[in-house]
Amino acid sequence: MSLSRPSLSSANALRFALATTACAGMICLLLATFATVIEIKVGTTTKVAGQDTHLSGWDRHGPALLVIAAFAALMLAGALRGARPAMAALAALGVVALLIAVVGDVPDLNETGFIGQVYEDAAAGPKAGFYLETLGGVLLLASGGLMLALAAERPTPQRAERPADADAA
């Protein structure tokens, strides 16, 4: 049994799977923008008069996750055409989304702010939005990186050489 290169149909199936993974990452980032990233509870309730206890991705980052998802869609179109810089950009967008989650949200996941000063039994924690933005970043990073790795093992098409007498004409 010898190892051979994947057939064209299996390479196309893998590219389709990676494109689907990238789309799932974009959808996760879109959902994370409007989902609750951090929730503050006082006792067993999240209702505190005059205070916002549900912080969404929009509250935390503004339109950043939407911009990343939109740019990822553009880069995916280029990556599907075989543009290696677009594949690398897709992976880089995943890294940016992960940095937003890790650097921007992780330090504040357990911060109760003013509510914690007023109520001693206040607690904060991550909700679905945090996990969605993290998953979205991982999916973009994985799909872009794997597309780049798949493209690196494919030989680049050689340009046809022009005959020497064509230069003289």
N, C-alpha and C. Protein backbone atom coordinates (compact mmCIF):
# COMPACT_ATOMS: atom_id res chain seq x y z
N MET A 1 0.85 -1.17 0.00
CA MET A 1 0.00 0.00 0.00
C MET A 1 0.90 1.23 0.00
N SER A 2 0.70 2.09 -0.95
CA SER A 2 1.53 3.30 -1.03
C SER A 2 0.70 4.53 -0.69
N LEU A 3 1.39 5.50 -0.13
CA LEU A 3 0.73 6.76 0.17
C LEU A 3 0.75 7.64 -1.07
N SER A 4 -0.36 8.22 -1.38
CA SER A 4 -0.42 9.10 -2.54
C SER A 4 -1.12 10.39 -2.16
N ARG A 5 -1.06 11.35 -3.02
CA ARG A 5 -1.73 12.61 -2.78
C ARG A 5 -3.24 12.38 -2.78
N PRO A 6 -3.97 13.21 -2.03
CA PRO A 6 -5.42 13.06 -2.06
C PRO A 6 -5.95 13.35 -3.46
N SER A 7 -7.00 12.66 -3.82
CA SER A 7 -7.59 12.87 -5.14
C SER A 7 -8.22 14.26 -5.19
N LEU A 8 -8.51 14.71 -6.37
CA LEU A 8 -9.09 16.03 -6.55
C LEU A 8 -10.42 16.15 -5.83
N SER A 9 -11.22 15.12 -5.88
CA SER A 9 -12.54 15.18 -5.23
C SER A 9 -12.40 15.22 -3.71
N SER A 10 -11.43 14.50 -3.15
CA SER A 10 -11.27 14.55 -1.69
C SER A 10 -10.68 15.90 -1.27
N ALA A 11 -9.83 16.50 -2.11
CA ALA A 11 -9.30 17.83 -1.80
C ALA A 11 -10.42 18.86 -1.85
N ASN A 12 -11.32 18.73 -2.82
CA ASN A 12 -12.46 19.63 -2.89
C ASN A 12 -13.40 19.45 -1.70
N ALA A 13 -13.58 18.21 -1.29
CA ALA A 13 -14.42 17.94 -0.12
C ALA A 13 -13.81 18.54 1.13
N LEU A 14 -12.48 18.46 1.24
CA LEU A 14 -11.81 19.04 2.40
C LEU A 14 -11.91 20.56 2.37
N ARG A 15 -11.74 21.17 1.20
CA ARG A 15 -11.90 22.63 1.08
C ARG A 15 -13.31 23.05 1.43
N PHE A 16 -14.30 22.26 1.00
CA PHE A 16 -15.69 22.57 1.34
C PHE A 16 -15.92 22.48 2.84
N ALA A 17 -15.35 21.45 3.47
CA ALA A 17 -15.49 21.29 4.92
C ALA A 17 -14.83 22.45 5.67
N LEU A 18 -13.66 22.88 5.20
CA LEU A 18 -12.98 24.01 5.84
C LEU A 18 -13.73 25.31 5.61
N ALA A 19 -14.33 25.48 4.44
CA ALA A 19 -15.15 26.67 4.19
C ALA A 19 -16.39 26.67 5.08
N THR A 20 -16.97 25.51 5.28
CA THR A 20 -18.13 25.39 6.17
C THR A 20 -17.72 25.70 7.60
N THR A 21 -16.54 25.26 8.00
CA THR A 21 -16.02 25.57 9.33
C THR A 21 -15.84 27.07 9.51
N ALA A 22 -15.29 27.72 8.49
CA ALA A 22 -15.11 29.17 8.55
C ALA A 22 -16.45 29.88 8.64
N CYS A 23 -17.44 29.41 7.89
CA CYS A 23 -18.79 30.00 7.96
C CYS A 23 -19.39 29.83 9.35
N ALA A 24 -19.17 28.68 9.95
CA ALA A 24 -19.66 28.45 11.31
C ALA A 24 -18.99 29.42 12.28
N GLY A 25 -17.70 29.67 12.09
CA GLY A 25 -16.99 30.64 12.92
C GLY A 25 -17.55 32.04 12.77
N MET A 26 -17.87 32.43 11.54
CA MET A 26 -18.46 33.74 11.30
C MET A 26 -19.83 33.86 11.97
N ILE A 27 -20.62 32.80 11.88
CA ILE A 27 -21.94 32.80 12.51
C ILE A 27 -21.80 32.91 14.03
N CYS A 28 -20.83 32.21 14.59
CA CYS A 28 -20.59 32.31 16.04
C CYS A 28 -20.26 33.74 16.44
N LEU A 29 -19.42 34.42 15.65
CA LEU A 29 -19.07 35.80 15.97
C LEU A 29 -20.28 36.72 15.84
N LEU A 30 -21.11 36.49 14.83
CA LEU A 30 -22.33 37.29 14.68
C LEU A 30 -23.25 37.10 15.88
N LEU A 31 -23.43 35.86 16.29
CA LEU A 31 -24.30 35.58 17.44
C LEU A 31 -23.71 36.14 18.74
N ALA A 32 -22.39 36.05 18.88
CA ALA A 32 -21.74 36.53 20.10
C ALA A 32 -21.90 38.04 20.27
N THR A 33 -22.04 38.75 19.17
CA THR A 33 -22.22 40.20 19.25
C THR A 33 -23.48 40.55 20.02
N PHE A 34 -24.52 39.76 19.88
CA PHE A 34 -25.80 40.09 20.50
C PHE A 34 -26.13 39.20 21.70
N ALA A 35 -25.33 38.19 21.94
CA ALA A 35 -25.55 37.30 23.09
C ALA A 35 -24.90 37.87 24.34
N THR A 36 -25.32 37.38 25.49
CA THR A 36 -24.76 37.83 26.76
C THR A 36 -23.38 37.20 26.95
N VAL A 37 -22.38 38.06 27.16
CA VAL A 37 -21.01 37.61 27.38
C VAL A 37 -20.76 37.43 28.88
N ILE A 38 -21.18 38.41 29.67
CA ILE A 38 -21.00 38.37 31.12
C ILE A 38 -22.34 38.66 31.77
N GLU A 39 -22.69 37.85 32.76
CA GLU A 39 -23.94 38.04 33.50
C GLU A 39 -23.61 38.22 34.98
N ILE A 40 -24.27 39.17 35.59
CA ILE A 40 -24.09 39.43 37.02
C ILE A 40 -25.36 39.01 37.73
N LYS A 41 -25.19 38.19 38.78
CA LYS A 41 -26.32 37.72 39.59
C LYS A 41 -26.19 38.25 41.00
N VAL A 42 -27.32 38.57 41.59
CA VAL A 42 -27.37 38.92 43.01
C VAL A 42 -28.26 37.85 43.64
N GLY A 43 -27.64 36.99 44.41
CA GLY A 43 -28.37 35.85 44.96
C GLY A 43 -28.75 34.93 43.82
N THR A 44 -30.05 34.80 43.59
CA THR A 44 -30.52 33.93 42.52
C THR A 44 -31.13 34.71 41.36
N THR A 45 -31.09 36.03 41.42
CA THR A 45 -31.72 36.83 40.38
C THR A 45 -30.69 37.65 39.60
N THR A 46 -31.07 37.96 38.39
CA THR A 46 -30.25 38.86 37.58
C THR A 46 -30.93 40.21 37.41
N LYS A 47 -32.03 40.41 38.11
CA LYS A 47 -32.77 41.67 38.03
C LYS A 47 -32.35 42.58 39.17
N VAL A 48 -31.70 43.69 38.82
CA VAL A 48 -31.31 44.69 39.80
C VAL A 48 -31.82 46.02 39.27
N ALA A 49 -32.61 46.70 40.07
CA ALA A 49 -33.24 47.94 39.64
C ALA A 49 -32.21 48.96 39.17
N GLY A 50 -32.39 49.46 37.96
CA GLY A 50 -31.53 50.50 37.43
C GLY A 50 -30.15 50.06 37.00
N GLN A 51 -29.86 48.77 37.00
CA GLN A 51 -28.53 48.28 36.62
C GLN A 51 -28.64 47.24 35.51
N ASP A 52 -27.68 47.29 34.60
CA ASP A 52 -27.62 46.31 33.51
C ASP A 52 -26.78 45.13 33.98
N THR A 53 -27.39 43.97 34.09
CA THR A 53 -26.68 42.79 34.58
C THR A 53 -26.32 41.81 33.47
N HIS A 54 -26.69 42.14 32.25
CA HIS A 54 -26.37 41.30 31.09
C HIS A 54 -25.54 42.13 30.12
N LEU A 55 -24.27 41.81 29.99
CA LEU A 55 -23.38 42.54 29.09
C LEU A 55 -23.18 41.71 27.82
N SER A 56 -23.63 42.26 26.71
CA SER A 56 -23.54 41.54 25.44
C SER A 56 -22.19 41.81 24.78
N GLY A 57 -21.96 41.12 23.69
CA GLY A 57 -20.75 41.36 22.91
C GLY A 57 -20.71 42.79 22.39
N TRP A 58 -21.88 43.34 22.04
CA TRP A 58 -21.94 44.72 21.58
C TRP A 58 -21.58 45.67 22.72
N ASP A 59 -22.07 45.39 23.94
CA ASP A 59 -21.73 46.22 25.10
C ASP A 59 -20.24 46.18 25.39
N ARG A 60 -19.63 45.04 25.19
CA ARG A 60 -18.22 44.86 25.53
C ARG A 60 -17.28 45.34 24.43
N HIS A 61 -17.64 45.12 23.15
CA HIS A 61 -16.70 45.36 22.06
C HIS A 61 -17.24 46.22 20.93
N GLY A 62 -18.47 46.67 21.04
CA GLY A 62 -19.06 47.42 19.94
C GLY A 62 -19.18 46.53 18.71
N PRO A 63 -18.95 47.06 17.53
CA PRO A 63 -19.12 46.26 16.31
C PRO A 63 -17.91 45.42 15.92
N ALA A 64 -16.93 45.28 16.79
CA ALA A 64 -15.68 44.59 16.43
C ALA A 64 -15.91 43.18 15.90
N LEU A 65 -16.75 42.40 16.56
CA LEU A 65 -16.97 41.02 16.12
C LEU A 65 -17.70 40.97 14.79
N LEU A 66 -18.59 41.95 14.55
CA LEU A 66 -19.28 42.02 13.26
C LEU A 66 -18.30 42.35 12.14
N VAL A 67 -17.38 43.26 12.41
CA VAL A 67 -16.37 43.64 11.41
C VAL A 67 -15.47 42.46 11.10
N ILE A 68 -15.07 41.73 12.13
CA ILE A 68 -14.23 40.54 11.91
C ILE A 68 -14.97 39.51 11.07
N ALA A 69 -16.24 39.28 11.38
CA ALA A 69 -17.02 38.29 10.61
C ALA A 69 -17.19 38.73 9.16
N ALA A 70 -17.45 40.02 8.93
CA ALA A 70 -17.61 40.51 7.56
C ALA A 70 -16.30 40.41 6.77
N PHE A 71 -15.20 40.79 7.39
CA PHE A 71 -13.91 40.69 6.71
C PHE A 71 -13.55 39.22 6.47
N ALA A 72 -13.91 38.35 7.40
CA ALA A 72 -13.65 36.91 7.22
C ALA A 72 -14.43 36.38 6.02
N ALA A 73 -15.64 36.87 5.80
CA ALA A 73 -16.42 36.43 4.64
C ALA A 73 -15.72 36.82 3.34
N LEU A 74 -15.16 38.03 3.31
CA LEU A 74 -14.42 38.46 2.12
C LEU A 74 -13.17 37.61 1.92
N MET A 75 -12.47 37.34 3.00
CA MET A 75 -11.24 36.54 2.90
C MET A 75 -11.55 35.10 2.53
N LEU A 76 -12.68 34.58 2.98
CA LEU A 76 -13.06 33.22 2.61
C LEU A 76 -13.30 33.12 1.11
N ALA A 77 -13.91 34.15 0.53
CA ALA A 77 -14.12 34.15 -0.92
C ALA A 77 -12.77 34.08 -1.65
N GLY A 78 -11.80 34.83 -1.18
CA GLY A 78 -10.47 34.78 -1.79
C GLY A 78 -9.78 33.45 -1.53
N ALA A 79 -9.95 32.93 -0.33
CA ALA A 79 -9.30 31.66 0.03
C ALA A 79 -9.84 30.52 -0.82
N LEU A 80 -11.13 30.55 -1.13
CA LEU A 80 -11.71 29.49 -1.96
C LEU A 80 -11.21 29.56 -3.40
N ARG A 81 -10.74 30.72 -3.81
CA ARG A 81 -10.14 30.85 -5.14
C ARG A 81 -8.67 30.47 -5.14
N GLY A 82 -8.14 30.15 -3.95
CA GLY A 82 -6.75 29.70 -3.86
C GLY A 82 -5.76 30.76 -3.44
N ALA A 83 -6.23 31.92 -3.01
CA ALA A 83 -5.31 32.99 -2.60
C ALA A 83 -4.76 32.70 -1.20
N ARG A 84 -3.49 32.40 -1.15
CA ARG A 84 -2.85 32.08 0.13
C ARG A 84 -2.86 33.24 1.11
N PRO A 85 -2.67 34.49 0.66
CA PRO A 85 -2.76 35.61 1.61
C PRO A 85 -4.15 35.70 2.27
N ALA A 86 -5.20 35.36 1.52
CA ALA A 86 -6.55 35.38 2.08
C ALA A 86 -6.70 34.27 3.13
N MET A 87 -6.08 33.13 2.89
CA MET A 87 -6.12 32.04 3.87
C MET A 87 -5.42 32.45 5.16
N ALA A 88 -4.26 33.09 5.00
CA ALA A 88 -3.51 33.57 6.17
C ALA A 88 -4.30 34.65 6.90
N ALA A 89 -4.97 35.52 6.15
CA ALA A 89 -5.78 36.57 6.78
C ALA A 89 -6.95 35.97 7.55
N LEU A 90 -7.53 34.90 7.03
CA LEU A 90 -8.62 34.22 7.72
C LEU A 90 -8.14 33.68 9.07
N ALA A 91 -6.97 33.08 9.07
CA ALA A 91 -6.39 32.58 10.33
C ALA A 91 -6.06 33.74 11.27
N ALA A 92 -5.54 34.83 10.72
CA ALA A 92 -5.22 36.01 11.54
C ALA A 92 -6.48 36.61 12.16
N LEU A 93 -7.57 36.61 11.43
CA LEU A 93 -8.84 37.11 11.98
C LEU A 93 -9.30 36.24 13.15
N GLY A 94 -9.05 34.94 13.05
CA GLY A 94 -9.35 34.06 14.17
C GLY A 94 -8.53 34.41 15.40
N VAL A 95 -7.26 34.74 15.18
CA VAL A 95 -6.39 35.15 16.29
C VAL A 95 -6.91 36.44 16.91
N VAL A 96 -7.33 37.39 16.08
CA VAL A 96 -7.85 38.66 16.59
C VAL A 96 -9.10 38.42 17.44
N ALA A 97 -10.00 37.57 16.96
CA ALA A 97 -11.21 37.26 17.72
C ALA A 97 -10.85 36.60 19.05
N LEU A 98 -9.87 35.71 19.03
CA LEU A 98 -9.44 35.08 20.28
C LEU A 98 -8.81 36.08 21.24
N LEU A 99 -8.05 37.02 20.70
CA LEU A 99 -7.46 38.05 21.55
C LEU A 99 -8.53 38.93 22.19
N ILE A 100 -9.57 39.24 21.44
CA ILE A 100 -10.68 40.01 22.01
C ILE A 100 -11.30 39.25 23.17
N ALA A 101 -11.49 37.95 23.00
CA ALA A 101 -12.09 37.14 24.06
C ALA A 101 -11.15 37.01 25.26
N VAL A 102 -9.89 36.69 24.99
CA VAL A 102 -8.95 36.40 26.08
C VAL A 102 -8.48 37.68 26.79
N VAL A 103 -8.07 38.67 26.00
CA VAL A 103 -7.55 39.90 26.60
C VAL A 103 -8.68 40.83 27.03
N GLY A 104 -9.74 40.88 26.24
CA GLY A 104 -10.82 41.81 26.54
C GLY A 104 -11.83 41.32 27.55
N ASP A 105 -12.12 40.02 27.56
CA ASP A 105 -13.20 39.52 28.40
C ASP A 105 -12.74 38.70 29.61
N VAL A 106 -11.74 37.88 29.45
CA VAL A 106 -11.34 36.99 30.55
C VAL A 106 -11.04 37.75 31.85
N PRO A 107 -10.31 38.88 31.80
CA PRO A 107 -10.04 39.59 33.06
C PRO A 107 -11.29 40.10 33.77
N ASP A 108 -12.39 40.32 33.01
CA ASP A 108 -13.61 40.87 33.60
C ASP A 108 -14.71 39.85 33.83
N LEU A 109 -14.45 38.59 33.58
CA LEU A 109 -15.51 37.59 33.70
C LEU A 109 -16.12 37.52 35.10
N ASN A 110 -15.34 37.75 36.11
CA ASN A 110 -15.85 37.64 37.48
C ASN A 110 -15.99 38.99 38.18
N GLU A 111 -15.90 40.09 37.42
CA GLU A 111 -16.02 41.43 37.99
C GLU A 111 -17.50 41.82 38.08
N THR A 112 -17.91 42.20 39.27
CA THR A 112 -19.30 42.61 39.49
C THR A 112 -19.48 44.11 39.46
N GLY A 113 -18.40 44.87 39.51
CA GLY A 113 -18.48 46.33 39.42
C GLY A 113 -19.26 46.95 40.57
N PHE A 114 -20.06 47.96 40.23
CA PHE A 114 -20.84 48.70 41.23
C PHE A 114 -21.82 47.79 41.97
N ILE A 115 -22.40 46.84 41.25
CA ILE A 115 -23.37 45.93 41.87
C ILE A 115 -22.71 45.13 42.99
N GLY A 116 -21.47 44.73 42.80
CA GLY A 116 -20.73 43.99 43.82
C GLY A 116 -20.40 44.84 45.04
N GLN A 117 -20.29 46.15 44.85
CA GLN A 117 -20.06 47.04 45.99
C GLN A 117 -21.32 47.22 46.81
N VAL A 118 -22.48 47.18 46.16
CA VAL A 118 -23.75 47.39 46.84
C VAL A 118 -24.27 46.10 47.46
N TYR A 119 -24.13 45.00 46.75
CA TYR A 119 -24.66 43.71 47.22
C TYR A 119 -23.50 42.75 47.45
N GLU A 120 -23.37 42.25 48.65
CA GLU A 120 -22.24 41.38 48.95
C GLU A 120 -22.36 39.99 48.35
N ASP A 121 -23.56 39.57 47.99
CA ASP A 121 -23.72 38.24 47.40
C ASP A 121 -23.79 38.29 45.86
N ALA A 122 -23.27 39.36 45.28
CA ALA A 122 -23.24 39.48 43.81
C ALA A 122 -22.11 38.62 43.25
N ALA A 123 -22.39 38.01 42.11
CA ALA A 123 -21.39 37.18 41.42
C ALA A 123 -21.55 37.36 39.92
N ALA A 124 -20.44 37.32 39.21
CA ALA A 124 -20.46 37.46 37.75
C ALA A 124 -19.82 36.22 37.13
N GLY A 125 -20.19 35.95 35.91
CA GLY A 125 -19.62 34.80 35.22
C GLY A 125 -19.89 34.85 33.73
N PRO A 126 -19.20 34.00 32.98
CA PRO A 126 -19.38 33.98 31.52
C PRO A 126 -20.71 33.34 31.14
N LYS A 127 -21.23 33.80 30.02
CA LYS A 127 -22.44 33.21 29.46
C LYS A 127 -22.17 32.80 28.01
N ALA A 128 -23.19 32.46 27.28
CA ALA A 128 -23.05 31.89 25.93
C ALA A 128 -22.24 32.77 24.98
N GLY A 129 -22.38 34.08 25.08
CA GLY A 129 -21.66 34.97 24.18
C GLY A 129 -20.16 34.82 24.27
N PHE A 130 -19.65 34.62 25.47
CA PHE A 130 -18.21 34.43 25.66
C PHE A 130 -17.75 33.16 24.94
N TYR A 131 -18.50 32.10 25.11
CA TYR A 131 -18.14 30.83 24.48
C TYR A 131 -18.29 30.89 22.95
N LEU A 132 -19.29 31.63 22.49
CA LEU A 132 -19.47 31.78 21.04
C LEU A 132 -18.32 32.57 20.40
N GLU A 133 -17.89 33.66 21.06
CA GLU A 133 -16.79 34.43 20.47
C GLU A 133 -15.48 33.64 20.50
N THR A 134 -15.29 32.85 21.53
CA THR A 134 -14.10 32.01 21.60
C THR A 134 -14.14 30.91 20.54
N LEU A 135 -15.27 30.25 20.42
CA LEU A 135 -15.43 29.21 19.40
C LEU A 135 -15.29 29.79 18.00
N GLY A 136 -15.87 30.95 17.76
CA GLY A 136 -15.75 31.59 16.45
C GLY A 136 -14.30 31.86 16.09
N GLY A 137 -13.53 32.36 17.05
CA GLY A 137 -12.11 32.61 16.80
C GLY A 137 -11.35 31.33 16.51
N VAL A 138 -11.62 30.29 17.26
CA VAL A 138 -10.94 29.00 17.05
C VAL A 138 -11.29 28.43 15.68
N LEU A 139 -12.55 28.51 15.29
CA LEU A 139 -12.96 27.96 13.99
C LEU A 139 -12.32 28.73 12.84
N LEU A 140 -12.25 30.05 12.94
CA LEU A 140 -11.60 30.83 11.88
C LEU A 140 -10.11 30.53 11.80
N LEU A 141 -9.47 30.46 12.97
CA LEU A 141 -8.04 30.14 13.00
C LEU A 141 -7.78 28.76 12.41
N ALA A 142 -8.56 27.79 12.80
CA ALA A 142 -8.36 26.42 12.30
C ALA A 142 -8.63 26.33 10.80
N SER A 143 -9.71 26.91 10.33
CA SER A 143 -10.03 26.78 8.91
C SER A 143 -9.00 27.51 8.05
N GLY A 144 -8.63 28.74 8.44
CA GLY A 144 -7.62 29.47 7.67
C GLY A 144 -6.28 28.78 7.68
N GLY A 145 -5.86 28.30 8.85
CA GLY A 145 -4.58 27.61 8.96
C GLY A 145 -4.54 26.30 8.19
N LEU A 146 -5.62 25.55 8.25
CA LEU A 146 -5.66 24.28 7.53
C LEU A 146 -5.77 24.49 6.02
N MET A 147 -6.49 25.53 5.59
CA MET A 147 -6.53 25.84 4.16
C MET A 147 -5.13 26.20 3.66
N LEU A 148 -4.41 26.97 4.47
CA LEU A 148 -3.05 27.35 4.11
C LEU A 148 -2.14 26.13 4.04
N ALA A 149 -2.28 25.22 4.99
CA ALA A 149 -1.48 23.99 4.98
C ALA A 149 -1.83 23.12 3.78
N LEU A 150 -3.11 23.04 3.44
CA LEU A 150 -3.54 22.26 2.29
C LEU A 150 -2.99 22.87 1.00
N ALA A 151 -3.00 24.20 0.91
CA ALA A 151 -2.48 24.87 -0.28
C ALA A 151 -0.97 24.72 -0.38
N ALA A 152 -0.28 24.64 0.75
CA ALA A 152 1.18 24.52 0.73
C ALA A 152 1.63 23.17 0.20
N GLU A 153 0.83 22.14 0.40
CA GLU A 153 1.25 20.82 -0.09
C GLU A 153 0.89 20.62 -1.55
N ARG A 154 0.06 21.49 -2.11
CA ARG A 154 -0.26 21.43 -3.54
C ARG A 154 0.80 22.18 -4.31
N PRO A 155 1.29 21.63 -5.37
CA PRO A 155 2.27 22.38 -6.17
C PRO A 155 1.59 23.54 -6.88
N THR A 156 2.30 24.65 -6.98
CA THR A 156 1.75 25.80 -7.70
C THR A 156 1.84 25.54 -9.19
N PRO A 157 0.86 25.97 -9.96
CA PRO A 157 0.91 25.72 -11.40
C PRO A 157 2.05 26.50 -12.03
N GLN A 158 2.78 25.83 -12.92
CA GLN A 158 3.91 26.45 -13.61
C GLN A 158 3.39 27.22 -14.82
N ARG A 159 3.96 28.40 -15.03
CA ARG A 159 3.61 29.17 -16.22
C ARG A 159 4.30 28.55 -17.43
N ALA A 160 3.63 28.59 -18.53
CA ALA A 160 4.23 28.08 -19.76
C ALA A 160 5.34 29.02 -20.19
N GLU A 161 6.47 28.45 -20.53
CA GLU A 161 7.60 29.26 -20.95
C GLU A 161 7.40 29.71 -22.37
N ARG A 162 7.77 30.98 -22.59
CA ARG A 162 7.65 31.54 -23.93
C ARG A 162 8.87 31.13 -24.74
N PRO A 163 8.70 30.89 -26.01
CA PRO A 163 9.85 30.57 -26.86
C PRO A 163 10.79 31.76 -26.93
N ALA A 164 12.08 31.48 -27.10
CA ALA A 164 13.10 32.52 -27.11
C ALA A 164 12.92 33.48 -28.27
N ASP A 165 12.42 32.99 -29.42
CA ASP A 165 12.27 33.87 -30.57
C ASP A 165 11.08 34.80 -30.43
N ALA A 166 10.18 34.58 -29.45
CA ALA A 166 9.03 35.46 -29.22
C ALA A 166 9.50 36.77 -28.62
N ASP A 167 10.62 36.75 -27.87
CA ASP A 167 11.15 37.98 -27.28
C ASP A 167 11.73 38.89 -28.35
N ALA A 168 12.28 38.31 -29.42
CA ALA A 168 12.92 39.09 -30.46
C ALA A 168 11.91 39.83 -31.31
N ALA A 169 10.69 39.34 -31.36
CA ALA A 169 9.69 39.93 -32.24
C ALA A 169 9.10 41.19 -31.73
